[in-house]
């Protein structure tokens, strides 16, 4: 069965960096786009970033560009998100999401849009 296991979350101070990882299994990883989403306290679920199947084409939420970078390693069935210059407003639960096709779908996201989600990893940024 499909499994998505995130890791790398934790606590950070303003301005520090974290790198989240997500190891996938149970499907042909290299055939699907992958996405990171987040749920911040009191806010709706947000699409954060997406990466196409070969990892060459990536997209990051406009407001996070320049600080967040998504990547993937198909040999390791893993995606990453590098988060730099973290801010308290970045605090929340970050989810790894399996795409439905090879293509990234940007924009508003809901649980119903995708079939498989990781359990989430908490990121807490303090000032």
Protein backbone atom coordinates (compact mmCIF):
# COMPACT_ATOMS: atom_id res chain seq x y z
CA UNK A 1 0.00 0.00 0.00
CA UNK A 2 1.02 3.58 -0.51
CA UNK A 3 2.99 5.06 2.35
CA UNK A 4 4.41 8.54 2.71
CA UNK A 5 6.57 9.13 5.74
CA UNK A 6 7.74 12.63 6.53
CA UNK A 7 10.62 13.51 8.79
CA UNK A 8 12.80 16.46 9.64
CA UNK A 9 10.30 18.63 11.41
CA UNK A 10 10.98 20.17 14.76
CA UNK A 11 11.75 23.48 16.37
CA UNK A 12 13.74 26.29 14.88
CA UNK A 13 14.48 29.90 15.62
CA UNK A 14 13.58 32.72 13.29
CA UNK A 15 16.05 32.83 10.43
CA UNK A 16 17.16 29.21 10.76
CA UNK A 17 16.65 26.43 8.28
CA UNK A 18 15.03 23.03 8.25
CA UNK A 19 14.90 20.35 5.61
CA UNK A 20 11.95 18.04 5.54
CA UNK A 21 12.07 14.65 3.87
CA UNK A 22 9.37 12.31 2.70
CA UNK A 23 10.06 8.70 1.85
CA UNK A 24 7.49 7.09 -0.39
CA UNK A 25 6.66 3.47 -0.98
CA UNK A 26 3.95 1.30 -2.46
CA UNK A 27 3.83 2.90 -5.89
CA UNK A 28 6.07 3.77 -8.82
CA UNK A 29 7.47 6.91 -7.30
CA UNK A 30 9.16 8.22 -10.44
CA UNK A 31 5.83 8.30 -12.31
CA UNK A 32 4.09 10.83 -10.10
CA UNK A 33 4.46 14.45 -9.25
CA UNK A 34 4.80 15.10 -5.55
CA UNK A 35 3.62 17.97 -3.43
CA UNK A 36 4.18 19.54 -0.05
CA UNK A 37 1.24 21.12 1.72
CA UNK A 38 0.90 22.68 5.14
CA UNK A 39 -1.69 23.42 7.74
CA UNK A 40 -0.94 26.44 9.85
CA UNK A 41 -2.89 27.11 13.05
CA UNK A 42 -6.20 28.76 12.31
CA UNK A 43 -5.63 28.78 8.56
CA UNK A 44 -6.80 26.64 5.72
CA UNK A 45 -4.71 23.93 4.17
CA UNK A 46 -2.14 25.42 1.77
CA UNK A 47 -0.29 24.13 -1.23
CA UNK A 48 3.41 24.83 -0.59
CA UNK A 49 5.39 23.36 -3.47
CA UNK A 50 5.35 20.70 -6.14
CA UNK A 51 7.87 18.79 -8.21
CA UNK A 52 7.40 17.03 -11.53
CA UNK A 53 8.48 13.44 -12.04
CA UNK A 54 12.09 14.08 -13.06
CA UNK A 55 12.66 16.80 -10.51
CA UNK A 56 13.66 19.33 -13.13
CA UNK A 57 10.49 21.37 -13.07
CA UNK A 58 9.43 22.64 -9.69
CA UNK A 59 6.97 25.17 -8.37
CA UNK A 60 6.87 26.95 -5.05
CA UNK A 61 4.08 29.03 -3.62
CA UNK A 62 4.65 32.64 -4.64
CA UNK A 63 4.92 33.91 -1.08
CA UNK A 64 7.57 31.30 -0.26
CA UNK A 65 9.75 31.61 -3.32
CA UNK A 66 13.31 32.44 -2.46
CA UNK A 67 13.08 30.73 0.91
CA UNK A 68 11.67 27.28 0.14
CA UNK A 69 13.04 24.81 -2.38
CA UNK A 70 11.53 21.47 -3.32
CA UNK A 71 13.49 18.60 -4.79
CA UNK A 72 13.29 14.86 -5.28
CA UNK A 73 15.59 11.88 -5.53
CA UNK A 74 13.92 9.15 -7.51
CA UNK A 75 16.66 6.68 -6.64
CA UNK A 76 15.69 7.06 -2.99
CA UNK A 77 11.93 7.50 -3.47
CA UNK A 78 12.25 10.68 -1.52
CA UNK A 79 11.22 14.29 -1.81
CA UNK A 80 12.59 17.15 0.18
CA UNK A 81 11.73 20.68 1.02
CA UNK A 82 14.48 22.97 2.10
CA UNK A 83 13.12 25.82 4.20
CA UNK A 84 15.43 28.73 4.82
CA UNK A 85 15.04 31.96 6.75
CA UNK A 86 12.17 30.46 8.69
CA UNK A 87 9.60 32.71 10.30
CA UNK A 88 7.11 32.08 13.10
CA UNK A 89 4.37 32.26 10.49
CA UNK A 90 5.82 29.15 8.85
CA UNK A 91 4.86 27.09 11.88
CA UNK A 92 2.43 24.30 11.19
CA UNK A 93 2.09 20.73 10.08
CA UNK A 94 3.74 19.92 6.77
CA UNK A 95 2.36 17.12 4.64
CA UNK A 96 3.82 15.11 1.81
CA UNK A 97 1.24 14.40 -0.88
CA UNK A 98 1.29 11.99 -3.78
CA UNK A 99 0.17 13.48 -7.05
CA UNK A 100 -2.42 11.89 -9.29
CA UNK A 101 -0.34 12.25 -12.45
CA UNK A 102 3.13 13.27 -13.56
CA UNK A 103 2.11 16.92 -13.43
CA UNK A 104 2.09 19.36 -10.57
CA UNK A 105 -1.22 20.98 -9.73
CA UNK A 106 -0.69 24.35 -8.14
CA UNK A 107 -2.95 26.44 -6.03
CA UNK A 108 -5.68 25.81 -3.51
CA UNK A 109 -5.64 22.33 -2.11
CA UNK A 110 -8.02 20.21 -0.08
CA UNK A 111 -7.85 16.73 1.36
CA UNK A 112 -10.26 15.49 -1.27
CA UNK A 113 -8.00 16.57 -4.13
CA UNK A 114 -5.44 13.84 -3.50
CA UNK A 115 -5.66 10.23 -2.51
CA UNK A 116 -2.53 9.81 -0.42
CA UNK A 117 -1.09 11.99 2.30
CA UNK A 118 1.65 11.50 4.82
CA UNK A 119 0.94 11.76 8.52
CA UNK A 120 2.52 15.20 8.65
CA UNK A 121 5.49 16.61 10.49
CA UNK A 122 5.28 19.54 12.86
CA UNK A 123 7.40 22.62 12.29
CA UNK A 124 7.56 25.21 15.04
CA UNK A 125 9.42 28.43 14.51
CA UNK A 126 9.94 30.75 17.43
CA UNK A 127 11.03 34.32 17.45
